[in-house]
Amino acid sequence: MQKVELTDSQILKIHCPFCGSLALSPEGTSHCEHTLYIASDEGFEYVSNKLQFNEDVDLDEKSMDEFTDDIEYVNAVKFAIYQPAPNFFGGYLAFAKE
């Protein structure tokens, strides 16, 4: 899975790279048929049935960022959005064509 890192801002919007649907905006999140997951450091908000786990994954020693980095999915892209210091809070969205 490819990874794109972005810095969070009050005007940041993420659109699905395959269909153009708005997935993340200051108003909230939504998903389309290409969305694999929507997550933050606090857990998963949405998980596609294309993936082989549910939203209650036990992260053990990994952070959510590390866990989602380890998900293998062909032709997929992960957007990692980080808030600047002092928060360093992260949000993660992934999309796949198929």
PDB file of N, CA and C in Angstrom:
ATOM      1  N   MET A   1       0.852  -1.172   0.000  1.00  0.00           N
ATOM      2  CA  MET A   1       0.000   0.000   0.000  1.00  0.00           C
ATOM      3  C   MET A   1       0.899   1.237   0.000  1.00  0.00           C
ATOM      4  N   GLN A   2       0.599   2.153  -0.881  1.00  0.00           N
ATOM      5  CA  GLN A   2       1.343   3.410  -0.913  1.00  0.00           C
ATOM      6  C   GLN A   2       0.855   4.312   0.213  1.00  0.00           C
ATOM      7  N   LYS A   3       1.716   5.220   0.658  1.00  0.00           N
ATOM      8  CA  LYS A   3       1.361   6.102   1.775  1.00  0.00           C
ATOM      9  C   LYS A   3       1.646   7.544   1.402  1.00  0.00           C
ATOM     10  N   VAL A   4       0.676   8.409   1.678  1.00  0.00           N
ATOM     11  CA  VAL A   4       0.809   9.847   1.476  1.00  0.00           C
ATOM     12  C   VAL A   4       0.649  10.497   2.842  1.00  0.00           C
ATOM     13  N   GLU A   5       1.647  11.292   3.263  1.00  0.00           N
ATOM     14  CA  GLU A   5       1.584  11.963   4.561  1.00  0.00           C
ATOM     15  C   GLU A   5       1.221  13.433   4.366  1.00  0.00           C
ATOM     16  N   LEU A   6       0.260  13.901   5.163  1.00  0.00           N
ATOM     17  CA  LEU A   6      -0.210  15.275   5.090  1.00  0.00           C
ATOM     18  C   LEU A   6      -0.250  15.882   6.486  1.00  0.00           C
ATOM     19  N   THR A   7      -0.143  17.200   6.548  1.00  0.00           N
ATOM     20  CA  THR A   7      -0.306  17.920   7.807  1.00  0.00           C
ATOM     21  C   THR A   7      -1.741  18.407   7.872  1.00  0.00           C
ATOM     22  N   ASP A   8      -2.385  18.170   8.994  1.00  0.00           N
ATOM     23  CA  ASP A   8      -3.779  18.562   9.175  1.00  0.00           C
ATOM     24  C   ASP A   8      -3.905  20.078   9.185  1.00  0.00           C
ATOM     25  N   SER A   9      -5.022  20.544   8.650  1.00  0.00           N
ATOM     26  CA  SER A   9      -5.342  21.968   8.711  1.00  0.00           C
ATOM     27  C   SER A   9      -6.855  22.103   8.778  1.00  0.00           C
ATOM     28  N   GLN A  10      -7.317  23.287   9.067  1.00  0.00           N
ATOM     29  CA  GLN A  10      -8.755  23.500   9.202  1.00  0.00           C
ATOM     30  C   GLN A  10      -9.477  23.433   7.862  1.00  0.00           C
ATOM     31  N   ILE A  11      -8.748  23.486   6.759  1.00  0.00           N
ATOM     32  CA  ILE A  11      -9.389  23.448   5.442  1.00  0.00           C
ATOM     33  C   ILE A  11      -9.080  22.173   4.664  1.00  0.00           C
ATOM     34  N   LEU A  12      -8.393  21.216   5.285  1.00  0.00           N
ATOM     35  CA  LEU A  12      -8.005  19.987   4.605  1.00  0.00           C
ATOM     36  C   LEU A  12      -9.222  19.165   4.207  1.00  0.00           C
ATOM     37  N   LYS A  13      -9.232  18.751   2.943  1.00  0.00           N
ATOM     38  CA  LYS A  13     -10.260  17.861   2.433  1.00  0.00           C
ATOM     39  C   LYS A  13      -9.568  16.737   1.678  1.00  0.00           C
ATOM     40  N   ILE A  14     -10.038  15.504   1.893  1.00  0.00           N
ATOM     41  CA  ILE A  14      -9.508  14.336   1.187  1.00  0.00           C
ATOM     42  C   ILE A  14     -10.643  13.760   0.340  1.00  0.00           C
ATOM     43  N   HIS A  15     -10.342  13.550  -0.923  1.00  0.00           N
ATOM     44  CA  HIS A  15     -11.295  12.941  -1.848  1.00  0.00           C
ATOM     45  C   HIS A  15     -10.766  11.576  -2.264  1.00  0.00           C
ATOM     46  N   CYS A  16     -11.667  10.649  -2.538  1.00  0.00           N
ATOM     47  CA  CYS A  16     -11.273   9.337  -3.043  1.00  0.00           C
ATOM     48  C   CYS A  16     -10.522   9.537  -4.359  1.00  0.00           C
ATOM     49  N   PRO A  17      -9.323   8.957  -4.485  1.00  0.00           N
ATOM     50  CA  PRO A  17      -8.559   9.137  -5.719  1.00  0.00           C
ATOM     51  C   PRO A  17      -9.146   8.378  -6.914  1.00  0.00           C
ATOM     52  N   PHE A  18     -10.127   7.528  -6.675  1.00  0.00           N
ATOM     53  CA  PHE A  18     -10.699   6.720  -7.751  1.00  0.00           C
ATOM     54  C   PHE A  18     -12.023   7.257  -8.278  1.00  0.00           C
ATOM     55  N   CYS A  19     -12.873   7.770  -7.385  1.00  0.00           N
ATOM     56  CA  CYS A  19     -14.174   8.277  -7.847  1.00  0.00           C
ATOM     57  C   CYS A  19     -14.400   9.756  -7.527  1.00  0.00           C
ATOM     58  N   GLY A  20     -13.533  10.339  -6.704  1.00  0.00           N
ATOM     59  CA  GLY A  20     -13.648  11.757  -6.384  1.00  0.00           C
ATOM     60  C   GLY A  20     -14.593  12.089  -5.253  1.00  0.00           C
ATOM     61  N   SER A  21     -15.206  11.109  -4.622  1.00  0.00           N
ATOM     62  CA  SER A  21     -16.116  11.371  -3.504  1.00  0.00           C
ATOM     63  C   SER A  21     -15.373  12.010  -2.332  1.00  0.00           C
ATOM     64  N   LEU A  22     -16.007  12.963  -1.683  1.00  0.00           N
ATOM     65  CA  LEU A  22     -15.420  13.595  -0.507  1.00  0.00           C
ATOM     66  C   LEU A  22     -15.432  12.606   0.652  1.00  0.00           C
ATOM     67  N   ALA A  23     -14.257  12.336   1.216  1.00  0.00           N
ATOM     68  CA  ALA A  23     -14.132  11.360   2.300  1.00  0.00           C
ATOM     69  C   ALA A  23     -13.853  12.021   3.644  1.00  0.00           C
ATOM     70  N   LEU A  24     -13.110  13.126   3.626  1.00  0.00           N
ATOM     71  CA  LEU A  24     -12.751  13.808   4.870  1.00  0.00           C
ATOM     72  C   LEU A  24     -12.794  15.307   4.634  1.00  0.00           C
ATOM     73  N   SER A  25     -13.482  15.995   5.527  1.00  0.00           N
ATOM     74  CA  SER A  25     -13.545  17.455   5.490  1.00  0.00           C
ATOM     75  C   SER A  25     -13.693  17.943   6.919  1.00  0.00           C
ATOM     76  N   PRO A  26     -13.588  19.235   7.139  1.00  0.00           N
ATOM     77  CA  PRO A  26     -13.800  19.742   8.505  1.00  0.00           C
ATOM     78  C   PRO A  26     -15.183  19.387   9.072  1.00  0.00           C
ATOM     79  N   GLU A  27     -16.139  19.096   8.198  1.00  0.00           N
ATOM     80  CA  GLU A  27     -17.487  18.753   8.640  1.00  0.00           C
ATOM     81  C   GLU A  27     -17.624  17.283   9.055  1.00  0.00           C
ATOM     82  N   GLY A  28     -16.671  16.426   8.676  1.00  0.00           N
ATOM     83  CA  GLY A  28     -16.764  15.023   9.061  1.00  0.00           C
ATOM     84  C   GLY A  28     -16.208  14.085   8.007  1.00  0.00           C
ATOM     85  N   THR A  29     -16.585  12.800   8.114  1.00  0.00           N
ATOM     86  CA  THR A  29     -16.086  11.777   7.198  1.00  0.00           C
ATOM     87  C   THR A  29     -17.253  11.063   6.525  1.00  0.00           C
ATOM     88  N   SER A  30     -16.948  10.459   5.394  1.00  0.00           N
ATOM     89  CA  SER A  30     -17.898   9.585   4.710  1.00  0.00           C
ATOM     90  C   SER A  30     -17.084   8.598   3.896  1.00  0.00           C
ATOM     91  N   HIS A  31     -17.711   7.529   3.448  1.00  0.00           N
ATOM     92  CA  HIS A  31     -16.970   6.541   2.681  1.00  0.00           C
ATOM     93  C   HIS A  31     -17.704   6.209   1.382  1.00  0.00           C
ATOM     94  N   CYS A  32     -16.935   5.719   0.411  1.00  0.00           N
ATOM     95  CA  CYS A  32     -17.470   5.289  -0.868  1.00  0.00           C
ATOM     96  C   CYS A  32     -17.095   3.822  -1.061  1.00  0.00           C
ATOM     97  N   GLU A  33     -17.382   3.273  -2.211  1.00  0.00           N
ATOM     98  CA  GLU A  33     -17.096   1.863  -2.474  1.00  0.00           C
ATOM     99  C   GLU A  33     -15.603   1.554  -2.490  1.00  0.00           C
ATOM    100  N   HIS A  34     -14.748   2.570  -2.617  1.00  0.00           N
ATOM    101  CA  HIS A  34     -13.303   2.365  -2.663  1.00  0.00           C
ATOM    102  C   HIS A  34     -12.629   2.492  -1.304  1.00  0.00           C
ATOM    103  N   THR A  35     -13.352   2.954  -0.294  1.00  0.00           N
ATOM    104  CA  THR A  35     -12.771   3.164   1.029  1.00  0.00           C
ATOM    105  C   THR A  35     -12.492   1.826   1.704  1.00  0.00           C
ATOM    106  N   LEU A  36     -11.246   1.623   2.124  1.00  0.00           N
ATOM    107  CA  LEU A  36     -10.886   0.421   2.879  1.00  0.00           C
ATOM    108  C   LEU A  36     -11.085   0.638   4.364  1.00  0.00           C
ATOM    109  N   TYR A  37     -10.659   1.797   4.861  1.00  0.00           N
ATOM    110  CA  TYR A  37     -10.888   2.118   6.266  1.00  0.00           C
ATOM    111  C   TYR A  37     -10.760   3.611   6.506  1.00  0.00           C
ATOM    112  N   ILE A  38     -11.370   4.048   7.590  1.00  0.00           N
ATOM    113  CA  ILE A  38     -11.202   5.399   8.128  1.00  0.00           C
ATOM    114  C   ILE A  38     -10.881   5.188   9.596  1.00  0.00           C
ATOM    115  N   ALA A  39      -9.751   5.733  10.048  1.00  0.00           N
ATOM    116  CA  ALA A  39      -9.314   5.503  11.426  1.00  0.00           C
ATOM    117  C   ALA A  39      -8.617   6.736  11.974  1.00  0.00           C
ATOM    118  N   SER A  40      -8.439   6.722  13.272  1.00  0.00           N
ATOM    119  CA  SER A  40      -7.624   7.736  13.952  1.00  0.00           C
ATOM    120  C   SER A  40      -6.803   6.998  15.003  1.00  0.00           C
ATOM    121  N   ASP A  41      -6.002   7.722  15.733  1.00  0.00           N
ATOM    122  CA  ASP A  41      -5.214   7.097  16.792  1.00  0.00           C
ATOM    123  C   ASP A  41      -6.100   6.486  17.870  1.00  0.00           C
ATOM    124  N   GLU A  42      -7.376   6.865  17.894  1.00  0.00           N
ATOM    125  CA  GLU A  42      -8.306   6.324  18.888  1.00  0.00           C
ATOM    126  C   GLU A  42      -8.994   5.044  18.425  1.00  0.00           C
ATOM    127  N   GLY A  43      -8.875   4.686  17.139  1.00  0.00           N
ATOM    128  CA  GLY A  43      -9.500   3.464  16.647  1.00  0.00           C
ATOM    129  C   GLY A  43     -10.107   3.644  15.271  1.00  0.00           C
ATOM    130  N   PHE A  44     -10.799   2.598  14.815  1.00  0.00           N
ATOM    131  CA  PHE A  44     -11.421   2.616  13.499  1.00  0.00           C
ATOM    132  C   PHE A  44     -12.816   3.222  13.569  1.00  0.00           C
ATOM    133  N   GLU A  45     -13.126   4.042  12.591  1.00  0.00           N
ATOM    134  CA  GLU A  45     -14.470   4.584  12.428  1.00  0.00           C
ATOM    135  C   GLU A  45     -15.241   3.764  11.395  1.00  0.00           C
ATOM    136  N   TYR A  46     -14.517   3.291  10.387  1.00  0.00           N
ATOM    137  CA  TYR A  46     -15.130   2.485   9.325  1.00  0.00           C
ATOM    138  C   TYR A  46     -14.108   1.469   8.825  1.00  0.00           C
ATOM    139  N   VAL A  47     -14.554   0.233   8.585  1.00  0.00           N
ATOM    140  CA  VAL A  47     -13.711  -0.809   7.992  1.00  0.00           C
ATOM    141  C   VAL A  47     -14.539  -1.508   6.914  1.00  0.00           C
ATOM    142  N   SER A  48     -14.002  -1.562   5.708  1.00  0.00           N
ATOM    143  CA  SER A  48     -14.672  -2.233   4.605  1.00  0.00           C
ATOM    144  C   SER A  48     -14.699  -3.737   4.826  1.00  0.00           C
ATOM    145  N   ASN A  49     -15.717  -4.389   4.297  1.00  0.00           N
ATOM    146  CA  ASN A  49     -15.762  -5.846   4.392  1.00  0.00           C
ATOM    147  C   ASN A  49     -14.744  -6.496   3.452  1.00  0.00           C
ATOM    148  N   LYS A  50     -14.027  -5.703   2.668  1.00  0.00           N
ATOM    149  CA  LYS A  50     -12.940  -6.211   1.824  1.00  0.00           C
ATOM    150  C   LYS A  50     -11.734  -6.623   2.671  1.00  0.00           C
ATOM    151  N   LEU A  51     -11.628  -6.064   3.865  1.00  0.00           N
ATOM    152  CA  LEU A  51     -10.513  -6.380   4.768  1.00  0.00           C
ATOM    153  C   LEU A  51     -10.908  -7.529   5.684  1.00  0.00           C
ATOM    154  N   GLN A  52      -9.924  -8.246   6.175  1.00  0.00           N
ATOM    155  CA  GLN A  52     -10.172  -9.454   6.959  1.00  0.00           C
ATOM    156  C   GLN A  52     -10.101  -9.217   8.468  1.00  0.00           C
ATOM    157  N   PHE A  53     -10.529  -8.071   8.930  1.00  0.00           N
ATOM    158  CA  PHE A  53     -10.590  -7.800  10.362  1.00  0.00           C
ATOM    159  C   PHE A  53     -11.753  -6.854  10.617  1.00  0.00           C
ATOM    160  N   ASN A  54     -12.101  -6.690  11.882  1.00  0.00           N
ATOM    161  CA  ASN A  54     -13.176  -5.770  12.219  1.00  0.00           C
ATOM    162  C   ASN A  54     -12.630  -4.569  12.969  1.00  0.00           C
ATOM    163  N   GLU A  55     -13.515  -3.690  13.356  1.00  0.00           N
ATOM    164  CA  GLU A  55     -13.116  -2.431  13.993  1.00  0.00           C
ATOM    165  C   GLU A  55     -12.530  -2.607  15.382  1.00  0.00           C
ATOM    166  N   ASP A  56     -12.685  -3.773  16.004  1.00  0.00           N
ATOM    167  CA  ASP A  56     -12.221  -4.003  17.366  1.00  0.00           C
ATOM    168  C   ASP A  56     -10.874  -4.708  17.406  1.00  0.00           C
ATOM    169  N   VAL A  57      -9.981  -4.351  16.497  1.00  0.00           N
ATOM    170  CA  VAL A  57      -8.656  -4.969  16.401  1.00  0.00           C
ATOM    171  C   VAL A  57      -7.844  -4.660  17.649  1.00  0.00           C
ATOM    172  N   ASP A  58      -7.123  -5.667  18.160  1.00  0.00           N
ATOM    173  CA  ASP A  58      -6.223  -5.487  19.298  1.00  0.00           C
ATOM    174  C   ASP A  58      -4.866  -5.050  18.759  1.00  0.00           C
ATOM    175  N   LEU A  59      -4.446  -3.856  19.095  1.00  0.00           N
ATOM    176  CA  LEU A  59      -3.222  -3.304  18.534  1.00  0.00           C
ATOM    177  C   LEU A  59      -1.962  -3.766  19.246  1.00  0.00           C
ATOM    178  N   ASP A  60      -2.084  -4.395  20.392  1.00  0.00           N
ATOM    179  CA  ASP A  60      -0.921  -4.861  21.161  1.00  0.00           C
ATOM    180  C   ASP A  60       0.098  -3.743  21.322  1.00  0.00           C
ATOM    181  N   GLU A  61       1.282  -3.931  20.781  1.00  0.00           N
ATOM    182  CA  GLU A  61       2.378  -2.985  20.948  1.00  0.00           C
ATOM    183  C   GLU A  61       2.444  -1.932  19.839  1.00  0.00           C
ATOM    184  N   LYS A  62       1.586  -2.023  18.833  1.00  0.00           N
ATOM    185  CA  LYS A  62       1.656  -1.120  17.691  1.00  0.00           C
ATOM    186  C   LYS A  62       0.744   0.086  17.864  1.00  0.00           C
ATOM    187  N   SER A  63       1.142   1.183  17.227  1.00  0.00           N
ATOM    188  CA  SER A  63       0.250   2.329  17.128  1.00  0.00           C
ATOM    189  C   SER A  63      -0.702   2.079  15.964  1.00  0.00           C
ATOM    190  N   MET A  64      -1.761   2.858  15.875  1.00  0.00           N
ATOM    191  CA  MET A  64      -2.693   2.716  14.754  1.00  0.00           C
ATOM    192  C   MET A  64      -1.970   2.983  13.435  1.00  0.00           C
ATOM    193  N   ASP A  65      -1.068   3.938  13.422  1.00  0.00           N
ATOM    194  CA  ASP A  65      -0.297   4.252  12.211  1.00  0.00           C
ATOM    195  C   ASP A  65       0.536   3.044  11.777  1.00  0.00           C
ATOM    196  N   GLU A  66       1.214   2.420  12.715  1.00  0.00           N
ATOM    197  CA  GLU A  66       2.025   1.237  12.403  1.00  0.00           C
ATOM    198  C   GLU A  66       1.140   0.075  11.948  1.00  0.00           C
ATOM    199  N   PHE A  67       0.017  -0.121  12.629  1.00  0.00           N
ATOM    200  CA  PHE A  67      -0.886  -1.206  12.259  1.00  0.00           C
ATOM    201  C   PHE A  67      -1.394  -1.028  10.833  1.00  0.00           C
ATOM    202  N   THR A  68      -1.846   0.193  10.506  1.00  0.00           N
ATOM    203  CA  THR A  68      -2.382   0.417   9.163  1.00  0.00           C
ATOM    204  C   THR A  68      -1.281   0.404   8.105  1.00  0.00           C
ATOM    205  N   ASP A  69      -0.046   0.738   8.480  1.00  0.00           N
ATOM    206  CA  ASP A  69       1.080   0.616   7.538  1.00  0.00           C
ATOM    207  C   ASP A  69       1.310  -0.840   7.148  1.00  0.00           C
ATOM    208  N   ASP A  70       1.005  -1.768   8.043  1.00  0.00           N
ATOM    209  CA  ASP A  70       1.254  -3.191   7.796  1.00  0.00           C
ATOM    210  C   ASP A  70       0.157  -3.885   6.984  1.00  0.00           C
ATOM    211  N   ILE A  71      -0.942  -3.190   6.719  1.00  0.00           N
ATOM    212  CA  ILE A  71      -2.018  -3.792   5.925  1.00  0.00           C
ATOM    213  C   ILE A  71      -1.568  -3.849   4.473  1.00  0.00           C
ATOM    214  N   GLU A  72      -1.583  -5.043   3.922  1.00  0.00           N
ATOM    215  CA  GLU A  72      -1.188  -5.225   2.527  1.00  0.00           C
ATOM    216  C   GLU A  72      -2.442  -5.326   1.668  1.00  0.00           C
ATOM    217  N   TYR A  73      -2.505  -4.482   0.654  1.00  0.00           N
ATOM    218  CA  TYR A  73      -3.632  -4.486  -0.264  1.00  0.00           C
ATOM    219  C   TYR A  73      -3.127  -3.929  -1.587  1.00  0.00           C
ATOM    220  N   VAL A  74      -3.303  -4.679  -2.656  1.00  0.00           N
ATOM    221  CA  VAL A  74      -2.772  -4.301  -3.967  1.00  0.00           C
ATOM    222  C   VAL A  74      -3.483  -3.055  -4.501  1.00  0.00           C
ATOM    223  N   ASN A  75      -2.700  -2.163  -5.074  1.00  0.00           N
ATOM    224  CA  ASN A  75      -3.212  -0.930  -5.699  1.00  0.00           C
ATOM    225  C   ASN A  75      -4.023  -0.066  -4.743  1.00  0.00           C
ATOM    226  N   ALA A  76      -3.552   0.040  -3.511  1.00  0.00           N
ATOM    227  CA  ALA A  76      -4.228   0.852  -2.504  1.00  0.00           C
ATOM    228  C   ALA A  76      -3.337   2.021  -2.096  1.00  0.00           C
ATOM    229  N   VAL A  77      -3.976   3.044  -1.549  1.00  0.00           N
ATOM    230  CA  VAL A  77      -3.237   4.203  -1.058  1.00  0.00           C
ATOM    231  C   VAL A  77      -3.790   4.589   0.312  1.00  0.00           C
ATOM    232  N   LYS A  78      -2.870   4.881   1.218  1.00  0.00           N
ATOM    233  CA  LYS A  78      -3.219   5.321   2.577  1.00  0.00           C
ATOM    234  C   LYS A  78      -2.855   6.791   2.701  1.00  0.00           C
ATOM    235  N   PHE A  79      -3.783   7.592   3.186  1.00  0.00           N
ATOM    236  CA  PHE A  79      -3.519   8.983   3.514  1.00  0.00           C
ATOM    237  C   PHE A  79      -3.373   9.065   5.032  1.00  0.00           C
ATOM    238  N   ALA A  80      -2.219   9.527   5.491  1.00  0.00           N
ATOM    239  CA  ALA A  80      -1.953   9.707   6.923  1.00  0.00           C
ATOM    240  C   ALA A  80      -1.917  11.205   7.184  1.00  0.00           C
ATOM    241  N   ILE A  81      -2.824  11.663   8.030  1.00  0.00           N
ATOM    242  CA  ILE A  81      -2.948  13.087   8.323  1.00  0.00           C
ATOM    243  C   ILE A  81      -2.536  13.309   9.765  1.00  0.00           C
ATOM    244  N   TYR A  82      -1.502  14.120   9.955  1.00  0.00           N
ATOM    245  CA  TYR A  82      -0.961  14.347  11.291  1.00  0.00           C
ATOM    246  C   TYR A  82      -1.202  15.787  11.726  1.00  0.00           C
ATOM    247  N   GLN A  83      -1.644  15.954  12.968  1.00  0.00           N
ATOM    248  CA  GLN A  83      -1.748  17.293  13.538  1.00  0.00           C
ATOM    249  C   GLN A  83      -0.363  17.718  13.997  1.00  0.00           C
ATOM    250  N   PRO A  84      -0.041  18.989  13.841  1.00  0.00           N
ATOM    251  CA  PRO A  84       1.284  19.456  14.268  1.00  0.00           C
ATOM    252  C   PRO A  84       1.431  19.440  15.791  1.00  0.00           C
ATOM    253  N   ALA A  85       2.662  19.617  16.241  1.00  0.00           N
ATOM    254  CA  ALA A  85       2.967  19.661  17.676  1.00  0.00           C
ATOM    255  C   ALA A  85       2.101  20.720  18.333  1.00  0.00           C
ATOM    256  N   PRO A  86       1.705  20.534  19.541  1.00  0.00           N
ATOM    257  CA  PRO A  86       2.098  19.497  20.478  1.00  0.00           C
ATOM    258  C   PRO A  86       1.219  18.239  20.411  1.00  0.00           C
ATOM    259  N   ASN A  87       0.170  18.216  19.582  1.00  0.00           N
ATOM    260  CA  ASN A  87      -0.753  17.080  19.547  1.00  0.00           C
ATOM    261  C   ASN A  87      -0.165  15.814  18.936  1.00  0.00           C
ATOM    262  N   PHE A  88       0.297  15.898  17.719  1.00  0.00           N
ATOM    263  CA  PHE A  88       0.791  14.754  16.942  1.00  0.00           C
ATOM    264  C   PHE A  88      -0.282  13.692  16.732  1.00  0.00           C
ATOM    265  N   PHE A  89      -1.562  14.066  16.860  1.00  0.00           N
ATOM    266  CA  PHE A  89      -2.676  13.142  16.648  1.00  0.00           C
ATOM    267  C   PHE A  89      -2.750  12.781  15.166  1.00  0.00           C
ATOM    268  N   GLY A  90      -3.096  11.526  14.854  1.00  0.00           N
ATOM    269  CA  GLY A  90      -3.152  11.094  13.464  1.00  0.00           C
ATOM    270  C   GLY A  90      -4.497  10.574  13.050  1.00  0.00           C
ATOM    271  N   GLY A  91      -4.792  10.783  11.776  1.00  0.00           N
ATOM    272  CA  GLY A  91      -5.973  10.223  11.136  1.00  0.00           C
ATOM    273  C   GLY A  91      -5.527   9.469   9.898  1.00  0.00           C
ATOM    274  N   TYR A  92      -6.251   8.405   9.527  1.00  0.00           N
ATOM    275  CA  TYR A  92      -5.809   7.517   8.452  1.00  0.00           C
ATOM    276  C   TYR A  92      -6.997   7.091   7.606  1.00  0.00           C
ATOM    277  N   LEU A  93      -6.853   7.249   6.296  1.00  0.00           N
ATOM    278  CA  LEU A  93      -7.861   6.802   5.338  1.00  0.00           C
ATOM    279  C   LEU A  93      -7.159   5.997   4.271  1.00  0.00           C
ATOM    280  N   ALA A  94      -7.779   4.924   3.826  1.00  0.00           N
ATOM    281  CA  ALA A  94      -7.188   4.124   2.749  1.00  0.00           C
ATOM    282  C   ALA A  94      -8.258   3.821   1.706  1.00  0.00           C
ATOM    283  N   PHE A  95      -7.802   3.807   0.459  1.00  0.00           N
ATOM    284  CA  PHE A  95      -8.682   3.569  -0.677  1.00  0.00           C
ATOM    285  C   PHE A  95      -8.042   2.546  -1.608  1.00  0.00           C
ATOM    286  N   ALA A  96      -8.870   1.767  -2.291  1.00  0.00           N
ATOM    287  CA  ALA A  96      -8.382   0.809  -3.278  1.00  0.00           C
ATOM    288  C   ALA A  96      -9.352   0.758  -4.445  1.00  0.00           C
ATOM    289  N   LYS A  97      -8.813   0.583  -5.628  1.00  0.00           N
ATOM    290  CA  LYS A  97      -9.633   0.537  -6.836  1.00  0.00           C
ATOM    291  C   LYS A  97     -10.598  -0.641  -6.813  1.00  0.00           C
ATOM    292  N   GLU A  98     -10.137  -1.790  -6.351  1.00  0.00           N
ATOM    293  CA  GLU A  98     -10.952  -3.009  -6.369  1.00  0.00           C
ATOM    294  C   GLU A  98     -11.172  -3.559  -4.978  1.00  0.00           C
TER     295      GLU A  98
END
